[in-house]
Each structure stands twice: as C-alpha cells, then as structure tokens.
Amino acid sequence: MARFSGIGVGETVSIPGYGIYTAAARGQVPNPGTTNDVITVFGGFPRAILQTCIPGTNQMLLIALN
C-alpha cells in the first residue's frame, strides 16, 4: 500500500519486463471489486492497473497506467 499510495497522476511508473507508463488516474473500488467497478472508476480500461487493498477498510486503491 505504501508504495502505491504515493504514486500521483502524471508520474512515470516503470514495471521491469513490461514497460514504462504514466499514472493517468487514481480511484477506489470495493474489496472485492469487479471489472464493472473498474469501468465505473476509469470510464474504461487503461493499459495497466496497479491494485492494492487499503488496510483497515473494505476498499482497494486503483491506479490507471497508460
């Protein structure tokens, strides 16, 4: 959670073996979430999504990468 929570929109994220992305949006969905929750938050599917549970809640943090 700590690694993901500090990523802001516009920042560059490098995922070794997959590529370099720009954080395009952030959002939260219920845990467990569904693909429909992702569509609702981002209006579609980005190239990649970082996802982690938010400790002490029933939510997941999502970061859209393009």
PDB file of N, CA and C in Angstrom:
ATOM      1  N   MET A   1       0.835  -1.195   0.000  1.00  0.00           N
ATOM      2  CA  MET A   1       0.000   0.000   0.000  1.00  0.00           C
ATOM      3  C   MET A   1       0.874   1.251   0.000  1.00  0.00           C
ATOM      4  N   ALA A   2       1.910   1.263   0.817  1.00  0.00           N
ATOM      5  CA  ALA A   2       2.747   2.452   0.920  1.00  0.00           C
ATOM      6  C   ALA A   2       3.396   2.798  -0.415  1.00  0.00           C
ATOM      7  N   ARG A   3       3.818   1.806  -1.166  1.00  0.00           N
ATOM      8  CA  ARG A   3       4.444   2.063  -2.468  1.00  0.00           C
ATOM      9  C   ARG A   3       3.448   2.665  -3.447  1.00  0.00           C
ATOM     10  N   PHE A   4       2.229   2.150  -3.465  1.00  0.00           N
ATOM     11  CA  PHE A   4       1.232   2.613  -4.420  1.00  0.00           C
ATOM     12  C   PHE A   4       0.634   3.952  -4.013  1.00  0.00           C
ATOM     13  N   SER A   5       0.416   4.155  -2.729  1.00  0.00           N
ATOM     14  CA  SER A   5      -0.317   5.346  -2.295  1.00  0.00           C
ATOM     15  C   SER A   5       0.417   6.634  -2.627  1.00  0.00           C
ATOM     16  N   GLY A   6       1.711   6.577  -2.804  1.00  0.00           N
ATOM     17  CA  GLY A   6       2.486   7.772  -3.120  1.00  0.00           C
ATOM     18  C   GLY A   6       2.554   8.095  -4.599  1.00  0.00           C
ATOM     19  N   ILE A   7       1.990   7.258  -5.461  1.00  0.00           N
ATOM     20  CA  ILE A   7       2.035   7.494  -6.902  1.00  0.00           C
ATOM     21  C   ILE A   7       0.921   8.466  -7.282  1.00  0.00           C
ATOM     22  N   GLY A   8       1.308   9.586  -7.833  1.00  0.00           N
ATOM     23  CA  GLY A   8       0.337  10.596  -8.224  1.00  0.00           C
ATOM     24  C   GLY A   8       0.102  10.618  -9.730  1.00  0.00           C
ATOM     25  N   VAL A   9      -1.014  11.191 -10.127  1.00  0.00           N
ATOM     26  CA  VAL A   9      -1.345  11.338 -11.546  1.00  0.00           C
ATOM     27  C   VAL A   9      -0.237  12.144 -12.223  1.00  0.00           C
ATOM     28  N   GLY A  10       0.212  11.646 -13.375  1.00  0.00           N
ATOM     29  CA  GLY A  10       1.262  12.305 -14.132  1.00  0.00           C
ATOM     30  C   GLY A  10       2.645  11.741 -13.880  1.00  0.00           C
ATOM     31  N   GLU A  11       2.804  10.953 -12.816  1.00  0.00           N
ATOM     32  CA  GLU A  11       4.109  10.365 -12.519  1.00  0.00           C
ATOM     33  C   GLU A  11       4.406   9.190 -13.443  1.00  0.00           C
ATOM     34  N   THR A  12       5.693   8.964 -13.685  1.00  0.00           N
ATOM     35  CA  THR A  12       6.143   7.845 -14.503  1.00  0.00           C
ATOM     36  C   THR A  12       6.338   6.631 -13.607  1.00  0.00           C
ATOM     37  N   VAL A  13       5.845   5.479 -14.093  1.00  0.00           N
ATOM     38  CA  VAL A  13       5.979   4.216 -13.358  1.00  0.00           C
ATOM     39  C   VAL A  13       6.652   3.211 -14.284  1.00  0.00           C
ATOM     40  N   SER A  14       7.755   2.634 -13.833  1.00  0.00           N
ATOM     41  CA  SER A  14       8.464   1.619 -14.612  1.00  0.00           C
ATOM     42  C   SER A  14       8.194   0.252 -13.998  1.00  0.00           C
ATOM     43  N   ILE A  15       7.691  -0.660 -14.831  1.00  0.00           N
ATOM     44  CA  ILE A  15       7.452  -2.032 -14.392  1.00  0.00           C
ATOM     45  C   ILE A  15       8.413  -2.914 -15.184  1.00  0.00           C
ATOM     46  N   PRO A  16       9.495  -3.365 -14.532  1.00  0.00           N
ATOM     47  CA  PRO A  16      10.505  -4.150 -15.244  1.00  0.00           C
ATOM     48  C   PRO A  16       9.886  -5.330 -16.000  1.00  0.00           C
ATOM     49  N   GLY A  17      10.271  -5.460 -17.254  1.00  0.00           N
ATOM     50  CA  GLY A  17       9.767  -6.532 -18.097  1.00  0.00           C
ATOM     51  C   GLY A  17       8.456  -6.215 -18.792  1.00  0.00           C
ATOM     52  N   TYR A  18       7.816  -5.090 -18.434  1.00  0.00           N
ATOM     53  CA  TYR A  18       6.525  -4.731 -19.028  1.00  0.00           C
ATOM     54  C   TYR A  18       6.530  -3.375 -19.703  1.00  0.00           C
ATOM     55  N   GLY A  19       7.261  -2.412 -19.167  1.00  0.00           N
ATOM     56  CA  GLY A  19       7.328  -1.112 -19.812  1.00  0.00           C
ATOM     57  C   GLY A  19       7.273   0.051 -18.846  1.00  0.00           C
ATOM     58  N   ILE A  20       7.239   1.233 -19.445  1.00  0.00           N
ATOM     59  CA  ILE A  20       7.165   2.482 -18.695  1.00  0.00           C
ATOM     60  C   ILE A  20       5.803   3.105 -18.978  1.00  0.00           C
ATOM     61  N   TYR A  21       5.129   3.509 -17.925  1.00  0.00           N
ATOM     62  CA  TYR A  21       3.770   4.027 -18.015  1.00  0.00           C
ATOM     63  C   TYR A  21       3.682   5.379 -17.321  1.00  0.00           C
ATOM     64  N   THR A  22       2.599   6.083 -17.593  1.00  0.00           N
ATOM     65  CA  THR A  22       2.276   7.312 -16.868  1.00  0.00           C
ATOM     66  C   THR A  22       1.005   7.062 -16.072  1.00  0.00           C
ATOM     67  N   ALA A  23       1.034   7.425 -14.792  1.00  0.00           N
ATOM     68  CA  ALA A  23      -0.166   7.297 -13.962  1.00  0.00           C
ATOM     69  C   ALA A  23      -1.204   8.288 -14.476  1.00  0.00           C
ATOM     70  N   ALA A  24      -2.327   7.771 -14.956  1.00  0.00           N
ATOM     71  CA  ALA A  24      -3.348   8.592 -15.597  1.00  0.00           C
ATOM     72  C   ALA A  24      -4.503   8.960 -14.675  1.00  0.00           C
ATOM     73  N   ALA A  25      -4.769   8.117 -13.675  1.00  0.00           N
ATOM     74  CA  ALA A  25      -5.899   8.366 -12.778  1.00  0.00           C
ATOM     75  C   ALA A  25      -5.754   7.502 -11.541  1.00  0.00           C
ATOM     76  N   ARG A  26      -6.445   7.899 -10.489  1.00  0.00           N
ATOM     77  CA  ARG A  26      -6.496   7.126  -9.253  1.00  0.00           C
ATOM     78  C   ARG A  26      -7.952   6.954  -8.862  1.00  0.00           C
ATOM     79  N   GLY A  27      -8.260   5.861  -8.182  1.00  0.00           N
ATOM     80  CA  GLY A  27      -9.623   5.648  -7.721  1.00  0.00           C
ATOM     81  C   GLY A  27      -9.691   4.553  -6.693  1.00  0.00           C
ATOM     82  N   GLN A  28     -10.867   4.363  -6.129  1.00  0.00           N
ATOM     83  CA  GLN A  28     -11.097   3.304  -5.161  1.00  0.00           C
ATOM     84  C   GLN A  28     -12.317   2.508  -5.573  1.00  0.00           C
ATOM     85  N   VAL A  29     -12.258   1.215  -5.300  1.00  0.00           N
ATOM     86  CA  VAL A  29     -13.396   0.323  -5.533  1.00  0.00           C
ATOM     87  C   VAL A  29     -13.569  -0.556  -4.303  1.00  0.00           C
ATOM     88  N   PRO A  30     -14.759  -1.148  -4.131  1.00  0.00           N
ATOM     89  CA  PRO A  30     -14.969  -2.062  -3.012  1.00  0.00           C
ATOM     90  C   PRO A  30     -14.064  -3.280  -3.130  1.00  0.00           C
ATOM     91  N   ASN A  31     -13.706  -3.861  -2.004  1.00  0.00           N
ATOM     92  CA  ASN A  31     -12.931  -5.094  -1.970  1.00  0.00           C
ATOM     93  C   ASN A  31     -13.859  -6.214  -1.537  1.00  0.00           C
ATOM     94  N   PRO A  32     -14.163  -7.224  -2.327  1.00  0.00           N
ATOM     95  CA  PRO A  32     -13.598  -7.452  -3.655  1.00  0.00           C
ATOM     96  C   PRO A  32     -14.319  -6.618  -4.697  1.00  0.00           C
ATOM     97  N   GLY A  33     -13.575  -6.183  -5.701  1.00  0.00           N
ATOM     98  CA  GLY A  33     -14.134  -5.400  -6.791  1.00  0.00           C
ATOM     99  C   GLY A  33     -14.367  -6.268  -8.017  1.00  0.00           C
ATOM    100  N   THR A  34     -15.022  -5.688  -9.002  1.00  0.00           N
ATOM    101  CA  THR A  34     -15.293  -6.385 -10.252  1.00  0.00           C
ATOM    102  C   THR A  34     -14.783  -5.537 -11.411  1.00  0.00           C
ATOM    103  N   THR A  35     -14.782  -6.113 -12.604  1.00  0.00           N
ATOM    104  CA  THR A  35     -14.386  -5.336 -13.773  1.00  0.00           C
ATOM    105  C   THR A  35     -15.351  -4.173 -13.997  1.00  0.00           C
ATOM    106  N   ASN A  36     -16.605  -4.334 -13.646  1.00  0.00           N
ATOM    107  CA  ASN A  36     -17.561  -3.229 -13.773  1.00  0.00           C
ATOM    108  C   ASN A  36     -17.191  -2.063 -12.866  1.00  0.00           C
ATOM    109  N   ASP A  37     -16.625  -2.356 -11.687  1.00  0.00           N
ATOM    110  CA  ASP A  37     -16.175  -1.287 -10.797  1.00  0.00           C
ATOM    111  C   ASP A  37     -15.050  -0.494 -11.442  1.00  0.00           C
ATOM    112  N   VAL A  38     -14.136  -1.196 -12.122  1.00  0.00           N
ATOM    113  CA  VAL A  38     -13.019  -0.528 -12.793  1.00  0.00           C
ATOM    114  C   VAL A  38     -13.539   0.372 -13.907  1.00  0.00           C
ATOM    115  N   ILE A  39     -14.479  -0.128 -14.698  1.00  0.00           N
ATOM    116  CA  ILE A  39     -15.061   0.670 -15.780  1.00  0.00           C
ATOM    117  C   ILE A  39     -15.722   1.925 -15.214  1.00  0.00           C
ATOM    118  N   THR A  40     -16.416   1.790 -14.101  1.00  0.00           N
ATOM    119  CA  THR A  40     -17.092   2.928 -13.481  1.00  0.00           C
ATOM    120  C   THR A  40     -16.090   3.988 -13.032  1.00  0.00           C
ATOM    121  N   VAL A  41     -14.999   3.556 -12.417  1.00  0.00           N
ATOM    122  CA  VAL A  41     -13.999   4.496 -11.893  1.00  0.00           C
ATOM    123  C   VAL A  41     -13.238   5.190 -13.022  1.00  0.00           C
ATOM    124  N   PHE A  42     -12.825   4.429 -14.041  1.00  0.00           N
ATOM    125  CA  PHE A  42     -11.942   4.970 -15.075  1.00  0.00           C
ATOM    126  C   PHE A  42     -12.631   5.235 -16.414  1.00  0.00           C
ATOM    127  N   GLY A  43     -13.893   4.862 -16.552  1.00  0.00           N
ATOM    128  CA  GLY A  43     -14.579   5.074 -17.815  1.00  0.00           C
ATOM    129  C   GLY A  43     -14.124   4.126 -18.913  1.00  0.00           C
ATOM    130  N   GLY A  44     -13.498   3.048 -18.544  1.00  0.00           N
ATOM    131  CA  GLY A  44     -12.958   2.071 -19.483  1.00  0.00           C
ATOM    132  C   GLY A  44     -11.740   1.421 -18.856  1.00  0.00           C
ATOM    133  N   PHE A  45     -10.953   0.754 -19.674  1.00  0.00           N
ATOM    134  CA  PHE A  45      -9.777   0.072 -19.149  1.00  0.00           C
ATOM    135  C   PHE A  45      -8.497   0.738 -19.627  1.00  0.00           C
ATOM    136  N   PRO A  46      -7.625   1.119 -18.701  1.00  0.00           N
ATOM    137  CA  PRO A  46      -6.315   1.634 -19.082  1.00  0.00           C
ATOM    138  C   PRO A  46      -5.414   0.472 -19.537  1.00  0.00           C
ATOM    139  N   ARG A  47      -4.213   0.785 -19.999  1.00  0.00           N
ATOM    140  CA  ARG A  47      -3.269  -0.256 -20.433  1.00  0.00           C
ATOM    141  C   ARG A  47      -2.912  -1.199 -19.288  1.00  0.00           C
ATOM    142  N   ALA A  48      -2.783  -0.652 -18.089  1.00  0.00           N
ATOM    143  CA  ALA A  48      -2.457  -1.468 -16.911  1.00  0.00           C
ATOM    144  C   ALA A  48      -3.066  -0.802 -15.681  1.00  0.00           C
ATOM    145  N   ILE A  49      -3.267  -1.600 -14.635  1.00  0.00           N
ATOM    146  CA  ILE A  49      -3.813  -1.080 -13.380  1.00  0.00           C
ATOM    147  C   ILE A  49      -2.979  -1.616 -12.231  1.00  0.00           C
ATOM    148  N   LEU A  50      -2.553  -0.731 -11.340  1.00  0.00           N
ATOM    149  CA  LEU A  50      -1.968  -1.150 -10.071  1.00  0.00           C
ATOM    150  C   LEU A  50      -3.115  -1.237  -9.071  1.00  0.00           C
ATOM    151  N   GLN A  51      -3.135  -2.289  -8.296  1.00  0.00           N
ATOM    152  CA  GLN A  51      -4.237  -2.507  -7.358  1.00  0.00           C
ATOM    153  C   GLN A  51      -3.670  -2.995  -6.038  1.00  0.00           C
ATOM    154  N   THR A  52      -4.171  -2.452  -4.939  1.00  0.00           N
ATOM    155  CA  THR A  52      -3.777  -2.915  -3.613  1.00  0.00           C
ATOM    156  C   THR A  52      -4.925  -2.656  -2.638  1.00  0.00           C
ATOM    157  N   CYS A  53      -5.018  -3.487  -1.633  1.00  0.00           N
ATOM    158  CA  CYS A  53      -6.015  -3.286  -0.579  1.00  0.00           C
ATOM    159  C   CYS A  53      -5.602  -2.104   0.283  1.00  0.00           C
ATOM    160  N   ILE A  54      -6.579  -1.376   0.782  1.00  0.00           N
ATOM    161  CA  ILE A  54      -6.310  -0.277   1.702  1.00  0.00           C
ATOM    162  C   ILE A  54      -6.506  -0.829   3.113  1.00  0.00           C
ATOM    163  N   PRO A  55      -5.428  -0.942   3.892  1.00  0.00           N
ATOM    164  CA  PRO A  55      -5.513  -1.551   5.219  1.00  0.00           C
ATOM    165  C   PRO A  55      -6.580  -0.907   6.099  1.00  0.00           C
ATOM    166  N   GLY A  56      -7.313  -1.740   6.803  1.00  0.00           N
ATOM    167  CA  GLY A  56      -8.314  -1.267   7.743  1.00  0.00           C
ATOM    168  C   GLY A  56      -9.621  -0.822   7.110  1.00  0.00           C
ATOM    169  N   THR A  57      -9.774  -1.050   5.782  1.00  0.00           N
ATOM    170  CA  THR A  57     -11.007  -0.660   5.097  1.00  0.00           C
ATOM    171  C   THR A  57     -11.503  -1.827   4.253  1.00  0.00           C
ATOM    172  N   ASN A  58     -12.633  -1.629   3.605  1.00  0.00           N
ATOM    173  CA  ASN A  58     -13.145  -2.619   2.655  1.00  0.00           C
ATOM    174  C   ASN A  58     -12.996  -2.084   1.227  1.00  0.00           C
ATOM    175  N   GLN A  59     -11.955  -1.284   0.989  1.00  0.00           N
ATOM    176  CA  GLN A  59     -11.693  -0.654  -0.295  1.00  0.00           C
ATOM    177  C   GLN A  59     -10.346  -1.087  -0.874  1.00  0.00           C
ATOM    178  N   MET A  60     -10.230  -0.964  -2.209  1.00  0.00           N
ATOM    179  CA  MET A  60      -8.959  -1.178  -2.902  1.00  0.00           C
ATOM    180  C   MET A  60      -8.596   0.103  -3.625  1.00  0.00           C
ATOM    181  N   LEU A  61      -7.308   0.447  -3.593  1.00  0.00           N
ATOM    182  CA  LEU A  61      -6.788   1.584  -4.341  1.00  0.00           C
ATOM    183  C   LEU A  61      -6.415   1.093  -5.733  1.00  0.00           C
ATOM    184  N   LEU A  62      -6.849   1.815  -6.773  1.00  0.00           N
ATOM    185  CA  LEU A  62      -6.500   1.508  -8.154  1.00  0.00           C
ATOM    186  C   LEU A  62      -5.779   2.698  -8.752  1.00  0.00           C
ATOM    187  N   ILE A  63      -4.731   2.420  -9.511  1.00  0.00           N
ATOM    188  CA  ILE A  63      -4.021   3.468 -10.247  1.00  0.00           C
ATOM    189  C   ILE A  63      -3.981   3.035 -11.711  1.00  0.00           C
ATOM    190  N   ALA A  64      -4.564   3.861 -12.581  1.00  0.00           N
ATOM    191  CA  ALA A  64      -4.586   3.573 -14.017  1.00  0.00           C
ATOM    192  C   ALA A  64      -3.273   4.004 -14.633  1.00  0.00           C
ATOM    193  N   LEU A  65      -2.691   3.117 -15.433  1.00  0.00           N
ATOM    194  CA  LEU A  65      -1.441   3.386 -16.118  1.00  0.00           C
ATOM    195  C   LEU A  65      -1.666   3.361 -17.619  1.00  0.00           C
ATOM    196  N   ASN A  66      -1.194   4.378 -18.304  1.00  0.00           N
ATOM    197  CA  ASN A  66      -1.267   4.439 -19.760  1.00  0.00           C
ATOM    198  C   ASN A  66       0.106   4.738 -20.333  1.00  0.00           C
TER     199      ASN A  66
END
